[in-house]
Amino acid sequence: MSSNAPTAPAAGASRQPVFISLQTNDISRGIVDAIVADNPEATVSEYPAMVKIDAPGRLVIRRESVEERLGRRWDVQELHLSLISLSGNIDETDEEFTLQWGARR
């Protein structure tokens, strides 16, 4: 007998690391500050002209948090202007940009 209920992810799957890399500029500094504030397990690595943020399992970029740091309205789509690379499945709404592996939460 088959069920339509979602299956639980394999052990450890939800903690598989995700990352996002952004160009270093004035706007991305505010984005990085917001990411660090909203994702306490995230680690930031700075390189010449680039910053990489790694997180175990899930990383969320919240529009409201970025707006607070930039001091202006910010559309989540603006993230793509600074984006270099990322890993994880993307779930993007008007309010959040989320990276994670597996099913959405």
N, C-alpha and C. Protein backbone atom coordinates (compact mmCIF):
# COMPACT_ATOMS: atom_id res chain seq x y z
N MET A 1 0.84 -1.17 0.00
CA MET A 1 0.00 0.00 0.00
C MET A 1 0.89 1.23 0.00
N SER A 2 0.62 2.16 -0.88
CA SER A 2 1.45 3.35 -1.01
C SER A 2 0.79 4.54 -0.34
N SER A 3 1.62 5.45 0.13
CA SER A 3 1.12 6.64 0.83
C SER A 3 1.62 7.88 0.11
N ASN A 4 0.82 8.94 0.13
CA ASN A 4 1.23 10.21 -0.46
C ASN A 4 1.95 11.10 0.53
N ALA A 5 2.14 10.61 1.75
CA ALA A 5 2.83 11.41 2.77
C ALA A 5 4.29 11.55 2.39
N PRO A 6 4.87 12.74 2.62
CA PRO A 6 6.29 12.93 2.31
C PRO A 6 7.15 12.04 3.18
N THR A 7 8.26 11.59 2.63
CA THR A 7 9.18 10.77 3.40
C THR A 7 10.19 11.66 4.10
N ALA A 8 10.65 11.20 5.23
CA ALA A 8 11.65 11.96 5.98
C ALA A 8 12.98 11.90 5.25
N PRO A 9 13.77 12.98 5.30
CA PRO A 9 15.08 12.95 4.66
C PRO A 9 15.98 11.93 5.34
N ALA A 10 16.94 11.43 4.61
CA ALA A 10 17.92 10.49 5.17
C ALA A 10 18.65 11.16 6.32
N ALA A 11 19.12 10.37 7.24
CA ALA A 11 19.84 10.91 8.40
C ALA A 11 20.99 11.79 7.92
N GLY A 12 21.07 12.99 8.45
CA GLY A 12 22.14 13.93 8.11
C GLY A 12 21.89 14.74 6.85
N ALA A 13 20.89 14.36 6.06
CA ALA A 13 20.65 15.07 4.80
C ALA A 13 20.30 16.53 5.03
N SER A 14 19.55 16.81 6.09
CA SER A 14 19.13 18.19 6.33
C SER A 14 20.28 19.08 6.78
N ARG A 15 21.41 18.49 7.17
CA ARG A 15 22.56 19.27 7.63
C ARG A 15 23.64 19.37 6.55
N GLN A 16 23.38 18.83 5.36
CA GLN A 16 24.36 18.93 4.28
C GLN A 16 24.63 20.40 4.01
N PRO A 17 25.89 20.81 3.95
CA PRO A 17 26.21 22.24 3.81
C PRO A 17 25.68 22.86 2.53
N VAL A 18 25.29 24.11 2.66
CA VAL A 18 24.94 24.95 1.51
C VAL A 18 25.85 26.17 1.57
N PHE A 19 25.98 26.87 0.44
CA PHE A 19 26.76 28.10 0.46
C PHE A 19 26.25 29.08 -0.58
N ILE A 20 26.63 30.33 -0.38
CA ILE A 20 26.40 31.37 -1.37
C ILE A 20 27.65 32.24 -1.42
N SER A 21 28.05 32.61 -2.62
CA SER A 21 29.20 33.50 -2.83
C SER A 21 28.72 34.77 -3.51
N LEU A 22 29.15 35.91 -2.97
CA LEU A 22 28.73 37.21 -3.50
C LEU A 22 29.95 38.07 -3.81
N GLN A 23 29.80 38.94 -4.80
CA GLN A 23 30.82 39.95 -5.05
C GLN A 23 30.88 40.87 -3.85
N THR A 24 32.05 41.37 -3.54
CA THR A 24 32.19 42.32 -2.44
C THR A 24 31.87 43.72 -2.96
N ASN A 25 30.82 44.32 -2.42
CA ASN A 25 30.45 45.70 -2.75
C ASN A 25 29.61 46.25 -1.60
N ASP A 26 29.22 47.51 -1.68
CA ASP A 26 28.47 48.13 -0.58
C ASP A 26 27.17 47.40 -0.28
N ILE A 27 26.45 46.99 -1.30
CA ILE A 27 25.17 46.32 -1.08
C ILE A 27 25.38 44.92 -0.50
N SER A 28 26.34 44.18 -1.02
CA SER A 28 26.54 42.82 -0.52
C SER A 28 27.01 42.82 0.94
N ARG A 29 27.67 43.87 1.39
CA ARG A 29 28.06 43.95 2.80
C ARG A 29 26.82 43.93 3.70
N GLY A 30 25.78 44.66 3.30
CA GLY A 30 24.52 44.64 4.05
C GLY A 30 23.84 43.29 3.99
N ILE A 31 23.91 42.64 2.83
CA ILE A 31 23.33 41.31 2.67
C ILE A 31 24.04 40.31 3.58
N VAL A 32 25.37 40.36 3.59
CA VAL A 32 26.15 39.45 4.43
C VAL A 32 25.84 39.68 5.90
N ASP A 33 25.76 40.93 6.33
CA ASP A 33 25.42 41.23 7.73
C ASP A 33 24.06 40.64 8.09
N ALA A 34 23.09 40.74 7.18
CA ALA A 34 21.75 40.19 7.43
C ALA A 34 21.80 38.66 7.50
N ILE A 35 22.56 38.05 6.61
CA ILE A 35 22.69 36.59 6.61
C ILE A 35 23.26 36.11 7.94
N VAL A 36 24.33 36.74 8.39
CA VAL A 36 24.97 36.35 9.65
C VAL A 36 24.00 36.52 10.83
N ALA A 37 23.24 37.60 10.84
CA ALA A 37 22.29 37.84 11.93
C ALA A 37 21.17 36.80 11.95
N ASP A 38 20.71 36.39 10.77
CA ASP A 38 19.57 35.47 10.69
C ASP A 38 19.97 33.99 10.66
N ASN A 39 21.25 33.71 10.48
CA ASN A 39 21.74 32.33 10.39
C ASN A 39 22.95 32.17 11.30
N PRO A 40 22.72 31.98 12.60
CA PRO A 40 23.82 31.97 13.56
C PRO A 40 24.90 30.91 13.31
N GLU A 41 24.57 29.84 12.59
CA GLU A 41 25.57 28.80 12.32
C GLU A 41 26.38 29.08 11.05
N ALA A 42 26.05 30.15 10.35
CA ALA A 42 26.75 30.48 9.10
C ALA A 42 28.18 30.94 9.40
N THR A 43 29.09 30.59 8.49
CA THR A 43 30.47 31.06 8.59
C THR A 43 30.81 31.86 7.34
N VAL A 44 31.51 32.95 7.54
CA VAL A 44 31.86 33.86 6.46
C VAL A 44 33.35 33.75 6.15
N SER A 45 33.66 33.60 4.88
CA SER A 45 35.05 33.58 4.41
C SER A 45 35.21 34.71 3.41
N GLU A 46 36.13 35.63 3.70
CA GLU A 46 36.35 36.77 2.81
C GLU A 46 37.57 36.53 1.93
N TYR A 47 37.41 36.85 0.66
CA TYR A 47 38.46 36.72 -0.34
C TYR A 47 38.54 38.04 -1.09
N PRO A 48 39.59 38.24 -1.88
CA PRO A 48 39.62 39.46 -2.70
C PRO A 48 38.40 39.51 -3.63
N ALA A 49 37.62 40.55 -3.52
CA ALA A 49 36.46 40.81 -4.38
C ALA A 49 35.31 39.82 -4.22
N MET A 50 35.35 38.95 -3.19
CA MET A 50 34.31 37.94 -3.02
C MET A 50 34.15 37.59 -1.55
N VAL A 51 32.93 37.24 -1.17
CA VAL A 51 32.68 36.71 0.17
C VAL A 51 31.83 35.45 0.00
N LYS A 52 32.19 34.41 0.77
CA LYS A 52 31.47 33.13 0.71
C LYS A 52 30.89 32.85 2.08
N ILE A 53 29.61 32.49 2.11
CA ILE A 53 28.94 32.16 3.35
C ILE A 53 28.51 30.70 3.28
N ASP A 54 28.99 29.91 4.23
CA ASP A 54 28.62 28.49 4.34
C ASP A 54 27.68 28.32 5.52
N ALA A 55 26.74 27.38 5.39
CA ALA A 55 25.83 27.09 6.49
C ALA A 55 25.48 25.61 6.46
N PRO A 56 25.35 25.00 7.63
CA PRO A 56 24.96 23.59 7.67
C PRO A 56 23.45 23.43 7.46
N GLY A 57 23.09 22.83 6.35
CA GLY A 57 21.69 22.47 6.13
C GLY A 57 20.80 23.48 5.47
N ARG A 58 20.88 24.74 5.88
CA ARG A 58 19.92 25.73 5.39
C ARG A 58 20.47 27.13 5.60
N LEU A 59 20.20 28.00 4.63
CA LEU A 59 20.61 29.40 4.73
C LEU A 59 19.46 30.25 4.21
N VAL A 60 19.03 31.22 5.00
CA VAL A 60 17.90 32.07 4.63
C VAL A 60 18.35 33.52 4.57
N ILE A 61 17.97 34.20 3.48
CA ILE A 61 18.21 35.63 3.33
C ILE A 61 16.84 36.29 3.36
N ARG A 62 16.59 37.09 4.39
CA ARG A 62 15.27 37.72 4.59
C ARG A 62 15.28 39.17 4.10
N ARG A 63 14.30 39.50 3.30
CA ARG A 63 14.17 40.85 2.74
C ARG A 63 14.20 41.89 3.86
N GLU A 64 13.41 41.69 4.88
CA GLU A 64 13.31 42.66 5.97
C GLU A 64 14.65 42.90 6.66
N SER A 65 15.41 41.84 6.88
CA SER A 65 16.72 41.97 7.53
C SER A 65 17.70 42.75 6.67
N VAL A 66 17.68 42.49 5.36
CA VAL A 66 18.57 43.22 4.46
C VAL A 66 18.17 44.69 4.42
N GLU A 67 16.87 44.97 4.34
CA GLU A 67 16.40 46.36 4.32
C GLU A 67 16.85 47.12 5.56
N GLU A 68 16.80 46.48 6.72
CA GLU A 68 17.24 47.14 7.96
C GLU A 68 18.71 47.56 7.87
N ARG A 69 19.53 46.73 7.27
CA ARG A 69 20.95 47.03 7.19
C ARG A 69 21.30 48.01 6.08
N LEU A 70 20.54 47.97 4.98
CA LEU A 70 20.81 48.89 3.88
C LEU A 70 20.15 50.25 4.09
N GLY A 71 19.11 50.29 4.94
CA GLY A 71 18.40 51.54 5.18
C GLY A 71 17.52 51.97 4.02
N ARG A 72 17.09 50.99 3.22
CA ARG A 72 16.21 51.27 2.08
C ARG A 72 15.46 50.00 1.71
N ARG A 73 14.46 50.16 0.85
CA ARG A 73 13.74 49.00 0.35
C ARG A 73 14.70 48.13 -0.47
N TRP A 74 14.53 46.83 -0.37
CA TRP A 74 15.38 45.89 -1.09
C TRP A 74 14.52 44.76 -1.63
N ASP A 75 14.62 44.52 -2.92
CA ASP A 75 13.90 43.43 -3.57
C ASP A 75 14.82 42.21 -3.56
N VAL A 76 14.29 41.06 -3.18
CA VAL A 76 15.09 39.84 -3.12
C VAL A 76 15.78 39.56 -4.46
N GLN A 77 15.15 39.95 -5.57
CA GLN A 77 15.75 39.76 -6.89
C GLN A 77 17.09 40.49 -7.05
N GLU A 78 17.30 41.56 -6.26
CA GLU A 78 18.56 42.30 -6.31
C GLU A 78 19.76 41.43 -5.90
N LEU A 79 19.49 40.36 -5.19
CA LEU A 79 20.56 39.45 -4.79
C LEU A 79 21.33 38.96 -6.01
N HIS A 80 20.63 38.75 -7.11
CA HIS A 80 21.26 38.22 -8.33
C HIS A 80 22.30 39.17 -8.92
N LEU A 81 22.25 40.45 -8.57
CA LEU A 81 23.23 41.41 -9.07
C LEU A 81 24.61 41.20 -8.46
N SER A 82 24.66 40.62 -7.28
CA SER A 82 25.94 40.36 -6.59
C SER A 82 26.32 38.89 -6.57
N LEU A 83 25.43 38.03 -7.01
CA LEU A 83 25.62 36.59 -6.91
C LEU A 83 26.73 36.08 -7.82
N ILE A 84 27.64 35.29 -7.25
CA ILE A 84 28.69 34.61 -8.02
C ILE A 84 28.34 33.14 -8.18
N SER A 85 28.05 32.47 -7.06
CA SER A 85 27.78 31.04 -7.09
C SER A 85 27.00 30.65 -5.85
N LEU A 86 26.41 29.45 -5.89
CA LEU A 86 25.69 28.93 -4.73
C LEU A 86 25.59 27.42 -4.83
N SER A 87 25.26 26.79 -3.71
CA SER A 87 24.97 25.36 -3.70
C SER A 87 23.73 25.14 -2.85
N GLY A 88 22.88 24.26 -3.32
CA GLY A 88 21.63 23.96 -2.63
C GLY A 88 20.46 24.22 -3.54
N ASN A 89 19.32 23.72 -3.14
CA ASN A 89 18.09 23.99 -3.87
C ASN A 89 17.58 25.36 -3.45
N ILE A 90 17.06 26.10 -4.40
CA ILE A 90 16.60 27.47 -4.15
C ILE A 90 15.10 27.50 -3.97
N ASP A 91 14.65 28.21 -2.94
CA ASP A 91 13.24 28.53 -2.75
C ASP A 91 13.20 30.04 -2.58
N GLU A 92 12.64 30.73 -3.55
CA GLU A 92 12.65 32.20 -3.55
C GLU A 92 11.23 32.74 -3.54
N THR A 93 10.96 33.64 -2.59
CA THR A 93 9.69 34.35 -2.54
C THR A 93 9.99 35.84 -2.50
N ASP A 94 8.96 36.66 -2.41
CA ASP A 94 9.17 38.10 -2.28
C ASP A 94 9.81 38.46 -0.94
N GLU A 95 9.71 37.57 0.05
CA GLU A 95 10.20 37.84 1.40
C GLU A 95 11.53 37.17 1.74
N GLU A 96 11.83 36.04 1.08
CA GLU A 96 13.02 35.27 1.46
C GLU A 96 13.65 34.57 0.26
N PHE A 97 14.95 34.36 0.38
CA PHE A 97 15.72 33.52 -0.55
C PHE A 97 16.32 32.44 0.32
N THR A 98 15.94 31.18 0.09
CA THR A 98 16.38 30.08 0.94
C THR A 98 17.16 29.06 0.13
N LEU A 99 18.28 28.62 0.69
CA LEU A 99 19.08 27.53 0.12
C LEU A 99 19.02 26.36 1.09
N GLN A 100 18.74 25.17 0.57
CA GLN A 100 18.77 23.96 1.37
C GLN A 100 18.74 22.77 0.43
N TRP A 101 19.11 21.62 0.94
CA TRP A 101 19.02 20.39 0.16
C TRP A 101 17.78 19.65 0.59
N GLY A 102 17.12 18.99 -0.34
CA GLY A 102 15.95 18.19 -0.02
C GLY A 102 14.67 18.99 -0.06
N ALA A 103 13.65 18.43 0.57
CA ALA A 103 12.31 19.03 0.54
C ALA A 103 12.28 20.35 1.30
N ARG A 104 11.39 21.24 0.84
CA ARG A 104 11.21 22.52 1.52
C ARG A 104 10.55 22.31 2.87
N ARG A 105 10.86 23.21 3.79
CA ARG A 105 10.26 23.14 5.14
C ARG A 105 9.13 24.10 5.23
